[in-house]
Amino acid sequence: MKINRSSPLTAARFVSLLFLCLTPVYGQKAGTRAATERTLREVDVQWAAAAQARDFEKVMSYYSATAIELPPNEPPARPGKRSINPGRPSSRPQARR
């Protein structure tokens, strides 16, 4: 019977990887997570209001300088704010139901 000596090493790697992946999730304090979620929800509401008001400058302020738009069924646009077109139907916010 041949012994597979790589399995203990593989198991150790798996456990280490699992630990590293879960550390950021469980490392945050509950108050910090709630504050982060609240901030993200507030920013989402502000972005939606700017998009609904068709405030181009305000909407574009939420994009990074290297943002890439990924419209459905089309190739990705070139990187950068200048290549993003908020007037395109794929860039418009969808109505919430």
N, C-alpha and C. Protein backbone atom coordinates (compact mmCIF):
# COMPACT_ATOMS: atom_id res chain seq x y z
N MET A 1 0.84 -1.18 0.00
CA MET A 1 0.00 0.00 0.00
C MET A 1 0.89 1.24 0.00
N LYS A 2 0.62 2.13 -0.92
CA LYS A 2 1.43 3.33 -1.05
C LYS A 2 0.81 4.44 -0.20
N ILE A 3 1.64 5.10 0.60
CA ILE A 3 1.17 6.19 1.47
C ILE A 3 1.33 7.51 0.74
N ASN A 4 0.29 8.28 0.73
CA ASN A 4 0.32 9.60 0.10
C ASN A 4 0.82 10.60 1.13
N ARG A 5 2.08 11.00 1.01
CA ARG A 5 2.69 11.87 2.00
C ARG A 5 2.31 13.34 1.80
N SER A 6 1.73 13.68 0.70
CA SER A 6 1.38 15.09 0.45
C SER A 6 0.07 15.49 1.11
N SER A 7 -0.75 14.52 1.53
CA SER A 7 -2.05 14.87 2.11
C SER A 7 -1.95 15.66 3.42
N PRO A 8 -1.04 15.35 4.36
CA PRO A 8 -0.95 16.20 5.55
C PRO A 8 -0.54 17.63 5.20
N LEU A 9 0.37 17.76 4.24
CA LEU A 9 0.80 19.09 3.82
C LEU A 9 -0.36 19.83 3.14
N THR A 10 -1.11 19.12 2.31
CA THR A 10 -2.25 19.73 1.65
C THR A 10 -3.30 20.16 2.67
N ALA A 11 -3.54 19.33 3.66
CA ALA A 11 -4.51 19.68 4.71
C ALA A 11 -4.04 20.89 5.49
N ALA A 12 -2.75 20.96 5.79
CA ALA A 12 -2.22 22.12 6.52
C ALA A 12 -2.35 23.39 5.70
N ARG A 13 -2.10 23.29 4.40
CA ARG A 13 -2.27 24.45 3.52
C ARG A 13 -3.73 24.90 3.48
N PHE A 14 -4.62 23.93 3.39
CA PHE A 14 -6.04 24.26 3.34
C PHE A 14 -6.49 24.97 4.62
N VAL A 15 -6.09 24.46 5.76
CA VAL A 15 -6.46 25.07 7.04
C VAL A 15 -5.88 26.47 7.15
N SER A 16 -4.63 26.64 6.72
CA SER A 16 -4.00 27.97 6.75
C SER A 16 -4.74 28.94 5.85
N LEU A 17 -5.08 28.50 4.66
CA LEU A 17 -5.81 29.35 3.72
C LEU A 17 -7.19 29.70 4.27
N LEU A 18 -7.87 28.75 4.85
CA LEU A 18 -9.18 28.99 5.45
C LEU A 18 -9.07 30.02 6.57
N PHE A 19 -8.07 29.88 7.41
CA PHE A 19 -7.85 30.83 8.51
C PHE A 19 -7.60 32.23 7.97
N LEU A 20 -6.77 32.35 6.94
CA LEU A 20 -6.47 33.66 6.37
C LEU A 20 -7.70 34.29 5.72
N CYS A 21 -8.53 33.48 5.10
CA CYS A 21 -9.74 34.01 4.46
C CYS A 21 -10.77 34.49 5.47
N LEU A 22 -10.87 33.80 6.60
CA LEU A 22 -11.89 34.15 7.59
C LEU A 22 -11.44 35.23 8.56
N THR A 23 -10.16 35.49 8.65
CA THR A 23 -9.65 36.48 9.60
C THR A 23 -10.25 37.87 9.38
N PRO A 24 -10.30 38.40 8.14
CA PRO A 24 -10.87 39.74 7.97
C PRO A 24 -12.34 39.82 8.37
N VAL A 25 -13.09 38.76 8.15
CA VAL A 25 -14.52 38.77 8.46
C VAL A 25 -14.74 38.78 9.97
N TYR A 26 -14.04 37.91 10.66
CA TYR A 26 -14.24 37.80 12.09
C TYR A 26 -13.34 38.74 12.88
N GLY A 27 -12.42 39.39 12.22
CA GLY A 27 -11.52 40.31 12.90
C GLY A 27 -12.14 41.67 13.15
N GLN A 28 -13.23 42.01 12.45
CA GLN A 28 -13.87 43.30 12.64
C GLN A 28 -14.78 43.26 13.85
N LYS A 29 -14.85 44.38 14.52
CA LYS A 29 -15.78 44.50 15.64
C LYS A 29 -17.18 44.71 15.07
N ALA A 30 -18.18 44.29 15.81
CA ALA A 30 -19.57 44.40 15.34
C ALA A 30 -19.94 45.85 15.07
N GLY A 31 -19.50 46.77 15.91
CA GLY A 31 -19.81 48.18 15.71
C GLY A 31 -19.19 48.73 14.44
N THR A 32 -18.00 48.26 14.11
CA THR A 32 -17.32 48.71 12.90
C THR A 32 -18.06 48.22 11.67
N ARG A 33 -18.49 46.97 11.69
CA ARG A 33 -19.25 46.42 10.56
C ARG A 33 -20.54 47.18 10.36
N ALA A 34 -21.24 47.47 11.43
CA ALA A 34 -22.51 48.21 11.33
C ALA A 34 -22.27 49.61 10.80
N ALA A 35 -21.21 50.26 11.25
CA ALA A 35 -20.89 51.60 10.77
C ALA A 35 -20.52 51.59 9.30
N THR A 36 -19.77 50.58 8.88
CA THR A 36 -19.40 50.46 7.47
C THR A 36 -20.64 50.23 6.61
N GLU A 37 -21.52 49.36 7.06
CA GLU A 37 -22.75 49.10 6.31
C GLU A 37 -23.61 50.35 6.22
N ARG A 38 -23.73 51.08 7.31
CA ARG A 38 -24.52 52.32 7.32
C ARG A 38 -23.93 53.34 6.34
N THR A 39 -22.61 53.48 6.34
CA THR A 39 -21.95 54.41 5.43
C THR A 39 -22.18 54.02 3.98
N LEU A 40 -22.05 52.73 3.67
CA LEU A 40 -22.27 52.27 2.30
C LEU A 40 -23.71 52.51 1.86
N ARG A 41 -24.66 52.29 2.74
CA ARG A 41 -26.06 52.53 2.39
C ARG A 41 -26.32 54.02 2.15
N GLU A 42 -25.70 54.88 2.97
CA GLU A 42 -25.87 56.33 2.78
C GLU A 42 -25.28 56.78 1.44
N VAL A 43 -24.11 56.26 1.11
CA VAL A 43 -23.47 56.61 -0.17
C VAL A 43 -24.32 56.11 -1.33
N ASP A 44 -24.91 54.92 -1.20
CA ASP A 44 -25.77 54.38 -2.25
C ASP A 44 -26.98 55.28 -2.47
N VAL A 45 -27.59 55.76 -1.39
CA VAL A 45 -28.74 56.66 -1.51
C VAL A 45 -28.33 57.97 -2.18
N GLN A 46 -27.16 58.50 -1.80
CA GLN A 46 -26.68 59.75 -2.39
C GLN A 46 -26.40 59.57 -3.89
N TRP A 47 -25.79 58.44 -4.26
CA TRP A 47 -25.51 58.18 -5.67
C TRP A 47 -26.81 58.06 -6.46
N ALA A 48 -27.78 57.33 -5.91
CA ALA A 48 -29.06 57.16 -6.60
C ALA A 48 -29.77 58.49 -6.78
N ALA A 49 -29.70 59.36 -5.78
CA ALA A 49 -30.32 60.68 -5.89
C ALA A 49 -29.64 61.50 -6.98
N ALA A 50 -28.32 61.44 -7.05
CA ALA A 50 -27.59 62.18 -8.09
C ALA A 50 -27.92 61.63 -9.47
N ALA A 51 -28.03 60.32 -9.59
CA ALA A 51 -28.36 59.72 -10.88
C ALA A 51 -29.78 60.07 -11.30
N GLN A 52 -30.71 60.06 -10.36
CA GLN A 52 -32.09 60.40 -10.68
C GLN A 52 -32.22 61.87 -11.07
N ALA A 53 -31.40 62.73 -10.44
CA ALA A 53 -31.41 64.16 -10.77
C ALA A 53 -30.61 64.45 -12.04
N ARG A 54 -29.99 63.42 -12.59
CA ARG A 54 -29.16 63.53 -13.80
C ARG A 54 -28.02 64.53 -13.61
N ASP A 55 -27.45 64.51 -12.41
CA ASP A 55 -26.30 65.36 -12.08
C ASP A 55 -25.03 64.62 -12.49
N PHE A 56 -24.59 64.87 -13.73
CA PHE A 56 -23.47 64.15 -14.32
C PHE A 56 -22.21 64.25 -13.47
N GLU A 57 -21.86 65.44 -13.03
CA GLU A 57 -20.63 65.64 -12.26
C GLU A 57 -20.68 64.88 -10.93
N LYS A 58 -21.82 64.90 -10.27
CA LYS A 58 -21.95 64.21 -8.99
C LYS A 58 -21.86 62.69 -9.19
N VAL A 59 -22.52 62.18 -10.22
CA VAL A 59 -22.47 60.74 -10.50
C VAL A 59 -21.03 60.32 -10.80
N MET A 60 -20.34 61.09 -11.62
CA MET A 60 -18.97 60.74 -11.99
C MET A 60 -18.00 60.87 -10.82
N SER A 61 -18.35 61.64 -9.80
CA SER A 61 -17.46 61.77 -8.64
C SER A 61 -17.36 60.45 -7.85
N TYR A 62 -18.29 59.54 -8.07
CA TYR A 62 -18.26 58.25 -7.38
C TYR A 62 -17.37 57.22 -8.09
N TYR A 63 -16.95 57.51 -9.31
CA TYR A 63 -16.10 56.61 -10.07
C TYR A 63 -14.64 56.92 -9.80
N SER A 64 -13.80 55.89 -9.77
CA SER A 64 -12.36 56.12 -9.63
C SER A 64 -11.79 56.53 -10.99
N ALA A 65 -10.58 57.03 -10.99
CA ALA A 65 -9.95 57.48 -12.23
C ALA A 65 -9.70 56.32 -13.19
N THR A 66 -9.61 55.10 -12.66
CA THR A 66 -9.33 53.93 -13.50
C THR A 66 -10.54 53.01 -13.64
N ALA A 67 -11.73 53.54 -13.42
CA ALA A 67 -12.94 52.72 -13.49
C ALA A 67 -13.15 52.18 -14.90
N ILE A 68 -13.76 51.00 -14.98
CA ILE A 68 -14.09 50.39 -16.27
C ILE A 68 -15.56 50.04 -16.24
N GLU A 69 -16.28 50.50 -17.24
CA GLU A 69 -17.70 50.16 -17.35
C GLU A 69 -17.82 48.81 -18.05
N LEU A 70 -18.67 47.95 -17.52
CA LEU A 70 -18.90 46.63 -18.10
C LEU A 70 -20.36 46.51 -18.52
N PRO A 71 -20.71 47.10 -19.68
CA PRO A 71 -22.10 47.03 -20.13
C PRO A 71 -22.47 45.61 -20.54
N PRO A 72 -23.72 45.21 -20.32
CA PRO A 72 -24.12 43.85 -20.68
C PRO A 72 -24.12 43.65 -22.19
N ASN A 73 -23.67 42.49 -22.62
CA ASN A 73 -23.64 42.09 -24.02
C ASN A 73 -22.80 43.01 -24.89
N GLU A 74 -21.83 43.67 -24.31
CA GLU A 74 -20.91 44.54 -25.05
C GLU A 74 -19.52 44.34 -24.49
N PRO A 75 -18.49 44.66 -25.29
CA PRO A 75 -17.14 44.58 -24.74
C PRO A 75 -16.92 45.68 -23.70
N PRO A 76 -16.00 45.47 -22.77
CA PRO A 76 -15.73 46.50 -21.76
C PRO A 76 -15.23 47.79 -22.40
N ALA A 77 -15.62 48.90 -21.82
CA ALA A 77 -15.14 50.19 -22.29
C ALA A 77 -13.68 50.35 -21.87
N ARG A 78 -13.00 51.29 -22.48
CA ARG A 78 -11.61 51.56 -22.08
C ARG A 78 -11.59 52.08 -20.65
N PRO A 79 -10.50 51.82 -19.93
CA PRO A 79 -10.44 52.30 -18.54
C PRO A 79 -10.41 53.82 -18.47
N GLY A 80 -10.99 54.34 -17.42
CA GLY A 80 -10.97 55.78 -17.16
C GLY A 80 -12.35 56.39 -17.18
N LYS A 81 -12.49 57.48 -16.46
CA LYS A 81 -13.78 58.15 -16.35
C LYS A 81 -14.28 58.65 -17.71
N ARG A 82 -13.36 59.06 -18.58
CA ARG A 82 -13.77 59.63 -19.86
C ARG A 82 -14.50 58.63 -20.75
N SER A 83 -14.24 57.35 -20.57
CA SER A 83 -14.88 56.34 -21.42
C SER A 83 -16.22 55.87 -20.87
N ILE A 84 -16.57 56.31 -19.67
CA ILE A 84 -17.84 55.90 -19.07
C ILE A 84 -18.93 56.86 -19.51
N ASN A 85 -20.04 56.30 -19.95
CA ASN A 85 -21.14 57.11 -20.46
C ASN A 85 -22.37 56.88 -19.60
N PRO A 86 -22.66 57.76 -18.63
CA PRO A 86 -23.82 57.54 -17.78
C PRO A 86 -25.15 57.65 -18.52
N GLY A 87 -25.15 58.17 -19.74
CA GLY A 87 -26.38 58.27 -20.51
C GLY A 87 -26.76 56.97 -21.19
N ARG A 88 -25.82 56.04 -21.26
CA ARG A 88 -26.09 54.75 -21.89
C ARG A 88 -27.12 54.00 -21.04
N PRO A 89 -28.05 53.31 -21.67
CA PRO A 89 -29.08 52.59 -20.89
C PRO A 89 -28.51 51.65 -19.83
N SER A 90 -27.36 51.03 -20.09
CA SER A 90 -26.79 50.11 -19.10
C SER A 90 -26.24 50.85 -17.90
N SER A 91 -26.03 52.17 -18.01
CA SER A 91 -25.47 52.94 -16.91
C SER A 91 -26.55 53.57 -16.04
N ARG A 92 -27.76 53.52 -16.49
CA ARG A 92 -28.85 54.13 -15.73
C ARG A 92 -29.22 53.24 -14.56
N PRO A 93 -29.54 53.85 -13.42
CA PRO A 93 -29.96 53.03 -12.28
C PRO A 93 -31.28 52.35 -12.57
N GLN A 94 -31.40 51.12 -12.15
CA GLN A 94 -32.63 50.37 -12.35
C GLN A 94 -33.64 50.74 -11.26
N ALA A 95 -34.89 50.77 -11.63
CA ALA A 95 -35.94 51.08 -10.66
C ALA A 95 -36.04 49.94 -9.65
N ARG A 96 -36.13 50.30 -8.40
CA ARG A 96 -36.28 49.28 -7.35
C ARG A 96 -37.74 48.92 -7.23
N ARG A 97 -38.00 47.65 -7.08
CA ARG A 97 -39.39 47.19 -6.98
C ARG A 97 -39.71 46.78 -5.59
